[in-house]
Amino acid sequence: MNVQEQIAMYIASQPEPKRNGMQELHRLLLQVSPKCKLWFLDGKSSEGKTVSNPNIGYGSYIIKYANGTTREFYQVGMSANTTGISLYILGIEDKTYLARTFGKSLGKASVTGYCIKFRNLKDINLRVLEAAILYGLKVTRKN
């Protein structure tokens, strides 16, 4: 099964309205970054144990660790959580930036250093969410 099929199955397995929200976000992410690399992480460790929720990833950047090693990872990620949807915008060094810049105008969402969590997409200002995504893509493109 290829990545696109895994993503489609993951989104289809979600209950409504989460499924519709994730599908709409998937379309938005592909619209703002049409040539991005797609990822699907099933949330399992190499031993097959569940360690996180499955994630859909968009884009690619190189993470540079303090010890000098590097690793390729996605720029923006999306995952279903128990109450809604989590959107991860990775690679932003200032962990207060998302909340300060987008938090108040985003709508009903919890915003942390790199995660925007919300119950339903209809509660979110999509233009503001798109601006946050575009910012994250721009920042990690420089890395």
N, C-alpha and C. Protein backbone atom coordinates (compact mmCIF):
# COMPACT_ATOMS: atom_id res chain seq x y z
N MET A 1 0.85 -1.17 0.00
CA MET A 1 0.00 0.00 0.00
C MET A 1 0.90 1.25 0.00
N ASN A 2 0.63 2.20 -0.89
CA ASN A 2 1.46 3.40 -0.94
C ASN A 2 0.97 4.45 0.07
N VAL A 3 1.73 5.52 0.20
CA VAL A 3 1.44 6.55 1.20
C VAL A 3 0.06 7.19 0.97
N GLN A 4 -0.28 7.50 -0.27
CA GLN A 4 -1.58 8.11 -0.55
C GLN A 4 -2.71 7.18 -0.12
N GLU A 5 -2.57 5.89 -0.34
CA GLU A 5 -3.59 4.93 0.08
C GLU A 5 -3.68 4.84 1.60
N GLN A 6 -2.53 4.86 2.28
CA GLN A 6 -2.53 4.84 3.74
C GLN A 6 -3.23 6.07 4.30
N ILE A 7 -2.94 7.23 3.71
CA ILE A 7 -3.57 8.48 4.15
C ILE A 7 -5.09 8.41 3.95
N ALA A 8 -5.50 7.97 2.77
CA ALA A 8 -6.94 7.88 2.46
C ALA A 8 -7.64 6.93 3.44
N MET A 9 -7.02 5.80 3.75
CA MET A 9 -7.62 4.84 4.68
C MET A 9 -7.69 5.41 6.09
N TYR A 10 -6.63 6.11 6.50
CA TYR A 10 -6.61 6.70 7.84
C TYR A 10 -7.72 7.74 7.99
N ILE A 11 -7.83 8.64 7.02
CA ILE A 11 -8.87 9.67 7.07
C ILE A 11 -10.25 9.02 7.03
N ALA A 12 -10.45 8.05 6.16
CA ALA A 12 -11.75 7.38 6.03
C ALA A 12 -12.14 6.64 7.31
N SER A 13 -11.17 6.24 8.11
CA SER A 13 -11.46 5.49 9.34
C SER A 13 -11.94 6.38 10.49
N GLN A 14 -11.88 7.69 10.31
CA GLN A 14 -12.27 8.61 11.37
C GLN A 14 -13.79 8.83 11.37
N PRO A 15 -14.37 9.02 12.55
CA PRO A 15 -15.81 9.31 12.61
C PRO A 15 -16.07 10.75 12.14
N GLU A 16 -17.28 11.00 11.70
CA GLU A 16 -17.68 12.38 11.37
C GLU A 16 -17.89 13.15 12.67
N PRO A 17 -17.64 14.45 12.72
CA PRO A 17 -17.20 15.34 11.64
C PRO A 17 -15.68 15.39 11.47
N LYS A 18 -14.96 14.62 12.28
CA LYS A 18 -13.50 14.61 12.21
C LYS A 18 -13.01 14.22 10.81
N ARG A 19 -13.64 13.22 10.21
CA ARG A 19 -13.24 12.75 8.88
C ARG A 19 -13.33 13.88 7.86
N ASN A 20 -14.46 14.58 7.84
CA ASN A 20 -14.65 15.68 6.89
C ASN A 20 -13.62 16.79 7.14
N GLY A 21 -13.38 17.12 8.40
CA GLY A 21 -12.39 18.14 8.73
C GLY A 21 -11.00 17.76 8.29
N MET A 22 -10.62 16.50 8.52
CA MET A 22 -9.30 16.05 8.11
C MET A 22 -9.17 16.03 6.59
N GLN A 23 -10.24 15.64 5.90
CA GLN A 23 -10.20 15.64 4.44
C GLN A 23 -10.05 17.06 3.90
N GLU A 24 -10.77 18.00 4.50
CA GLU A 24 -10.66 19.40 4.07
C GLU A 24 -9.26 19.95 4.36
N LEU A 25 -8.71 19.63 5.51
CA LEU A 25 -7.34 20.06 5.83
C LEU A 25 -6.33 19.43 4.89
N HIS A 26 -6.52 18.17 4.57
CA HIS A 26 -5.63 17.47 3.62
C HIS A 26 -5.63 18.20 2.28
N ARG A 27 -6.82 18.57 1.80
CA ARG A 27 -6.92 19.31 0.53
C ARG A 27 -6.23 20.67 0.64
N LEU A 28 -6.43 21.36 1.77
CA LEU A 28 -5.79 22.67 1.97
C LEU A 28 -4.27 22.54 1.96
N LEU A 29 -3.75 21.55 2.66
CA LEU A 29 -2.30 21.37 2.72
C LEU A 29 -1.73 21.04 1.35
N LEU A 30 -2.43 20.24 0.58
CA LEU A 30 -1.96 19.93 -0.77
C LEU A 30 -2.09 21.13 -1.70
N GLN A 31 -3.05 22.00 -1.42
CA GLN A 31 -3.22 23.21 -2.22
C GLN A 31 -2.09 24.20 -1.96
N VAL A 32 -1.71 24.38 -0.69
CA VAL A 32 -0.66 25.36 -0.38
C VAL A 32 0.74 24.82 -0.68
N SER A 33 0.87 23.51 -0.76
CA SER A 33 2.17 22.91 -1.07
C SER A 33 1.95 21.68 -1.97
N PRO A 34 1.58 21.93 -3.24
CA PRO A 34 1.15 20.83 -4.12
C PRO A 34 2.23 19.79 -4.43
N LYS A 35 3.48 20.15 -4.36
CA LYS A 35 4.55 19.21 -4.71
C LYS A 35 5.24 18.63 -3.47
N CYS A 36 4.61 18.79 -2.32
CA CYS A 36 5.25 18.36 -1.08
C CYS A 36 5.35 16.84 -1.00
N LYS A 37 6.36 16.39 -0.27
CA LYS A 37 6.48 14.97 0.03
C LYS A 37 5.40 14.61 1.03
N LEU A 38 4.73 13.49 0.83
CA LEU A 38 3.72 13.02 1.77
C LEU A 38 4.30 11.91 2.64
N TRP A 39 3.90 11.92 3.91
CA TRP A 39 4.34 10.93 4.87
C TRP A 39 3.12 10.30 5.53
N PHE A 40 3.25 9.06 5.96
CA PHE A 40 2.27 8.48 6.85
C PHE A 40 3.03 7.68 7.90
N LEU A 41 2.85 8.07 9.15
CA LEU A 41 3.46 7.37 10.27
C LEU A 41 2.34 6.70 11.04
N ASP A 42 2.43 5.40 11.20
CA ASP A 42 1.33 4.65 11.82
C ASP A 42 1.28 4.73 13.34
N GLY A 43 2.26 5.40 13.96
CA GLY A 43 2.26 5.57 15.41
C GLY A 43 2.85 4.39 16.16
N LYS A 44 3.47 3.46 15.45
CA LYS A 44 4.03 2.28 16.11
C LYS A 44 5.56 2.32 16.10
N SER A 45 6.14 1.79 17.17
CA SER A 45 7.59 1.70 17.27
C SER A 45 8.09 0.56 16.38
N SER A 46 9.39 0.42 16.27
CA SER A 46 9.95 -0.67 15.47
C SER A 46 9.58 -2.04 16.04
N GLU A 47 9.19 -2.07 17.33
CA GLU A 47 8.74 -3.32 17.95
C GLU A 47 7.24 -3.55 17.77
N GLY A 48 6.55 -2.63 17.10
CA GLY A 48 5.12 -2.77 16.85
C GLY A 48 4.23 -2.25 17.96
N LYS A 49 4.82 -1.56 18.94
CA LYS A 49 4.01 -1.00 20.03
C LYS A 49 3.53 0.39 19.65
N THR A 50 2.29 0.72 20.02
CA THR A 50 1.75 2.03 19.75
C THR A 50 2.42 3.05 20.66
N VAL A 51 3.03 4.08 20.04
CA VAL A 51 3.72 5.12 20.80
C VAL A 51 3.13 6.51 20.57
N SER A 52 2.30 6.65 19.55
CA SER A 52 1.65 7.93 19.27
C SER A 52 0.44 7.69 18.37
N ASN A 53 -0.34 8.74 18.17
CA ASN A 53 -1.42 8.66 17.19
C ASN A 53 -0.79 8.61 15.80
N PRO A 54 -1.43 7.95 14.84
CA PRO A 54 -0.92 8.01 13.47
C PRO A 54 -0.86 9.47 13.01
N ASN A 55 0.09 9.77 12.14
CA ASN A 55 0.30 11.13 11.63
C ASN A 55 0.40 11.14 10.12
N ILE A 56 -0.18 12.17 9.51
CA ILE A 56 0.03 12.45 8.10
C ILE A 56 1.01 13.62 8.06
N GLY A 57 2.05 13.50 7.26
CA GLY A 57 3.04 14.57 7.17
C GLY A 57 3.09 15.16 5.77
N TYR A 58 3.45 16.44 5.73
CA TYR A 58 3.51 17.19 4.48
C TYR A 58 4.84 17.93 4.42
N GLY A 59 5.53 17.80 3.30
CA GLY A 59 6.79 18.49 3.12
C GLY A 59 7.95 17.72 3.71
N SER A 60 9.11 18.34 3.67
CA SER A 60 10.31 17.68 4.16
C SER A 60 11.34 18.74 4.53
N TYR A 61 11.97 18.55 5.67
CA TYR A 61 13.09 19.40 6.05
C TYR A 61 14.05 18.58 6.87
N ILE A 62 15.24 19.10 7.04
CA ILE A 62 16.28 18.40 7.79
C ILE A 62 16.36 18.97 9.19
N ILE A 63 16.16 18.11 10.18
CA ILE A 63 16.33 18.49 11.58
C ILE A 63 17.80 18.34 11.92
N LYS A 64 18.37 19.38 12.52
CA LYS A 64 19.78 19.33 12.93
C LYS A 64 19.83 19.25 14.45
N TYR A 65 20.40 18.18 14.95
CA TYR A 65 20.51 17.97 16.39
C TYR A 65 21.81 18.56 16.93
N ALA A 66 21.82 18.84 18.23
CA ALA A 66 22.98 19.44 18.88
C ALA A 66 24.24 18.57 18.73
N ASN A 67 24.07 17.27 18.64
CA ASN A 67 25.24 16.38 18.53
C ASN A 67 25.78 16.30 17.10
N GLY A 68 25.18 17.08 16.18
CA GLY A 68 25.68 17.12 14.81
C GLY A 68 24.95 16.18 13.85
N THR A 69 24.11 15.30 14.36
CA THR A 69 23.38 14.40 13.47
C THR A 69 22.18 15.12 12.86
N THR A 70 21.70 14.57 11.78
CA THR A 70 20.54 15.15 11.10
C THR A 70 19.52 14.05 10.81
N ARG A 71 18.30 14.50 10.55
CA ARG A 71 17.22 13.56 10.22
C ARG A 71 16.19 14.29 9.37
N GLU A 72 15.69 13.63 8.36
CA GLU A 72 14.63 14.20 7.54
C GLU A 72 13.30 13.97 8.25
N PHE A 73 12.43 14.98 8.22
CA PHE A 73 11.12 14.86 8.83
C PHE A 73 10.16 15.79 8.10
N TYR A 74 8.87 15.62 8.37
CA TYR A 74 7.89 16.49 7.71
C TYR A 74 7.84 17.88 8.33
N GLN A 75 7.35 18.85 7.54
CA GLN A 75 7.25 20.24 7.99
C GLN A 75 5.95 20.48 8.74
N VAL A 76 4.86 19.92 8.24
CA VAL A 76 3.54 20.09 8.84
C VAL A 76 2.92 18.70 8.95
N GLY A 77 2.29 18.45 10.09
CA GLY A 77 1.66 17.15 10.30
C GLY A 77 0.22 17.31 10.77
N MET A 78 -0.55 16.26 10.56
CA MET A 78 -1.95 16.26 11.00
C MET A 78 -2.25 14.90 11.62
N SER A 79 -3.03 14.94 12.70
CA SER A 79 -3.38 13.71 13.38
C SER A 79 -4.75 13.86 14.04
N ALA A 80 -5.48 12.76 14.07
CA ALA A 80 -6.72 12.74 14.85
C ALA A 80 -6.34 12.54 16.30
N ASN A 81 -7.05 13.21 17.20
CA ASN A 81 -6.86 12.95 18.63
C ASN A 81 -8.22 12.58 19.21
N THR A 82 -8.27 12.33 20.50
CA THR A 82 -9.52 11.85 21.09
C THR A 82 -10.68 12.85 20.96
N THR A 83 -10.38 14.14 20.95
CA THR A 83 -11.45 15.13 20.90
C THR A 83 -11.56 15.88 19.58
N GLY A 84 -10.61 15.69 18.67
CA GLY A 84 -10.66 16.44 17.42
C GLY A 84 -9.45 16.17 16.55
N ILE A 85 -8.82 17.27 16.13
CA ILE A 85 -7.70 17.21 15.19
C ILE A 85 -6.53 18.02 15.76
N SER A 86 -5.33 17.50 15.57
CA SER A 86 -4.11 18.23 15.91
C SER A 86 -3.36 18.52 14.63
N LEU A 87 -2.89 19.76 14.50
CA LEU A 87 -2.06 20.16 13.37
C LEU A 87 -0.71 20.56 13.95
N TYR A 88 0.35 19.95 13.44
CA TYR A 88 1.70 20.21 13.94
C TYR A 88 2.46 21.04 12.93
N ILE A 89 2.99 22.16 13.39
CA ILE A 89 3.82 23.01 12.53
C ILE A 89 5.21 22.97 13.13
N LEU A 90 6.08 22.22 12.50
CA LEU A 90 7.38 21.90 13.08
C LEU A 90 8.47 22.86 12.62
N GLY A 91 9.54 22.89 13.38
CA GLY A 91 10.72 23.66 13.00
C GLY A 91 10.71 25.12 13.40
N ILE A 92 9.71 25.55 14.15
CA ILE A 92 9.67 26.94 14.61
C ILE A 92 10.46 27.03 15.90
N GLU A 93 11.52 27.82 15.88
CA GLU A 93 12.41 27.89 17.05
C GLU A 93 11.76 28.61 18.23
N ASP A 94 11.05 29.70 17.96
CA ASP A 94 10.39 30.46 19.03
C ASP A 94 9.08 29.76 19.37
N LYS A 95 9.07 29.06 20.51
CA LYS A 95 7.91 28.24 20.88
C LYS A 95 6.70 29.05 21.33
N THR A 96 6.80 30.37 21.37
CA THR A 96 5.66 31.22 21.70
C THR A 96 5.05 31.86 20.45
N TYR A 97 5.72 31.72 19.30
CA TYR A 97 5.33 32.43 18.08
C TYR A 97 3.92 32.08 17.61
N LEU A 98 3.60 30.80 17.50
CA LEU A 98 2.27 30.42 17.00
C LEU A 98 1.15 31.00 17.85
N ALA A 99 1.27 30.84 19.16
CA ALA A 99 0.22 31.34 20.06
C ALA A 99 0.13 32.87 19.99
N ARG A 100 1.27 33.55 20.01
CA ARG A 100 1.28 35.02 19.98
C ARG A 100 0.74 35.57 18.67
N THR A 101 1.11 34.96 17.57
CA THR A 101 0.79 35.50 16.25
C THR A 101 -0.58 35.07 15.74
N PHE A 102 -0.97 33.83 16.00
CA PHE A 102 -2.20 33.31 15.41
C PHE A 102 -3.27 32.92 16.43
N GLY A 103 -2.90 32.74 17.68
CA GLY A 103 -3.79 32.19 18.69
C GLY A 103 -5.12 32.89 18.85
N LYS A 104 -5.10 34.21 19.00
CA LYS A 104 -6.35 34.94 19.27
C LYS A 104 -7.29 35.00 18.07
N SER A 105 -6.74 35.00 16.87
CA SER A 105 -7.59 35.12 15.68
C SER A 105 -7.92 33.78 15.03
N LEU A 106 -7.42 32.70 15.60
CA LEU A 106 -7.60 31.37 15.02
C LEU A 106 -8.99 30.79 15.26
N GLY A 107 -9.59 31.12 16.38
CA GLY A 107 -10.89 30.55 16.73
C GLY A 107 -10.75 29.66 17.95
N LYS A 108 -11.64 28.69 18.07
CA LYS A 108 -11.64 27.78 19.22
C LYS A 108 -10.56 26.73 19.06
N ALA A 109 -9.35 27.07 19.53
CA ALA A 109 -8.22 26.16 19.39
C ALA A 109 -7.28 26.33 20.57
N SER A 110 -6.57 25.29 20.85
CA SER A 110 -5.49 25.31 21.83
C SER A 110 -4.19 25.38 21.03
N VAL A 111 -3.36 26.36 21.32
CA VAL A 111 -2.12 26.54 20.56
C VAL A 111 -0.94 26.46 21.51
N THR A 112 -0.04 25.51 21.23
CA THR A 112 1.19 25.38 22.01
C THR A 112 2.38 25.71 21.11
N GLY A 113 3.55 25.33 21.50
CA GLY A 113 4.77 25.66 20.76
C GLY A 113 4.75 25.27 19.30
N TYR A 114 4.20 24.11 18.98
CA TYR A 114 4.16 23.66 17.59
C TYR A 114 2.84 22.97 17.22
N CYS A 115 1.87 22.96 18.12
CA CYS A 115 0.63 22.22 17.89
C CYS A 115 -0.58 23.14 17.99
N ILE A 116 -1.47 22.99 17.02
CA ILE A 116 -2.77 23.66 17.02
C ILE A 116 -3.81 22.55 17.12
N LYS A 117 -4.54 22.54 18.22
CA LYS A 117 -5.50 21.47 18.47
C LYS A 117 -6.90 22.08 18.53
N PHE A 118 -7.83 21.45 17.84
CA PHE A 118 -9.20 21.95 17.82
C PHE A 118 -10.18 20.79 17.67
N ARG A 119 -11.40 21.03 18.10
CA ARG A 119 -12.43 19.99 18.08
C ARG A 119 -13.01 19.83 16.68
N ASN A 120 -13.34 20.94 16.03
CA ASN A 120 -14.04 20.88 14.76
C ASN A 120 -13.51 21.97 13.84
N LEU A 121 -13.30 21.66 12.60
CA LEU A 121 -12.76 22.62 11.65
C LEU A 121 -13.66 23.85 11.48
N LYS A 122 -14.97 23.69 11.67
CA LYS A 122 -15.89 24.82 11.51
C LYS A 122 -15.66 25.88 12.60
N ASP A 123 -14.97 25.53 13.67
CA ASP A 123 -14.68 26.48 14.75
C ASP A 123 -13.39 27.27 14.51
N ILE A 124 -12.74 27.03 13.38
CA ILE A 124 -11.43 27.61 13.08
C ILE A 124 -11.53 28.58 11.91
N ASN A 125 -10.78 29.68 12.01
CA ASN A 125 -10.66 30.62 10.90
C ASN A 125 -9.63 30.01 9.93
N LEU A 126 -10.10 29.50 8.80
CA LEU A 126 -9.21 28.79 7.86
C LEU A 126 -8.14 29.69 7.26
N ARG A 127 -8.43 30.95 7.08
CA ARG A 127 -7.42 31.88 6.54
C ARG A 127 -6.26 32.03 7.51
N VAL A 128 -6.59 32.12 8.78
CA VAL A 128 -5.55 32.24 9.81
C VAL A 128 -4.76 30.93 9.91
N LEU A 129 -5.46 29.81 9.86
CA LEU A 129 -4.78 28.51 9.90
C LEU A 129 -3.85 28.36 8.69
N GLU A 130 -4.31 28.76 7.53
CA GLU A 130 -3.47 28.70 6.33
C GLU A 130 -2.24 29.59 6.48
N ALA A 131 -2.40 30.77 7.07
CA ALA A 131 -1.26 31.66 7.29
C ALA A 131 -0.24 31.01 8.23
N ALA A 132 -0.71 30.33 9.26
CA ALA A 132 0.19 29.64 10.18
C ALA A 132 0.93 28.52 9.46
N ILE A 133 0.24 27.78 8.62
CA ILE A 133 0.86 26.70 7.85
C ILE A 133 1.92 27.26 6.91
N LEU A 134 1.56 28.32 6.19
CA LEU A 134 2.51 28.93 5.26
C LEU A 134 3.74 29.45 5.98
N TYR A 135 3.54 30.02 7.17
CA TYR A 135 4.68 30.48 7.96
C TYR A 135 5.60 29.30 8.30
N GLY A 136 5.02 28.20 8.77
CA GLY A 136 5.82 27.03 9.11
C GLY A 136 6.57 26.46 7.93
N LEU A 137 5.93 26.42 6.77
CA LEU A 137 6.61 25.93 5.56
C LEU A 137 7.77 26.84 5.19
N LYS A 138 7.57 28.14 5.31
CA LYS A 138 8.61 29.10 4.98
C LYS A 138 9.81 28.98 5.91
N VAL A 139 9.54 28.87 7.20
CA VAL A 139 10.62 28.79 8.19
C VAL A 139 11.47 27.54 7.99
N THR A 140 10.83 26.41 7.76
CA THR A 140 11.59 25.17 7.61
C THR A 140 12.25 25.05 6.25
N ARG A 141 11.78 25.79 5.28
CA ARG A 141 12.42 25.81 3.96
C ARG A 141 13.82 26.39 4.07
N LYS A 142 14.03 27.28 5.05
CA LYS A 142 15.34 27.90 5.23
C LYS A 142 16.34 26.94 5.85
N ASN A 143 15.85 25.93 6.57
CA ASN A 143 16.75 24.98 7.26
C ASN A 143 17.46 24.06 6.29
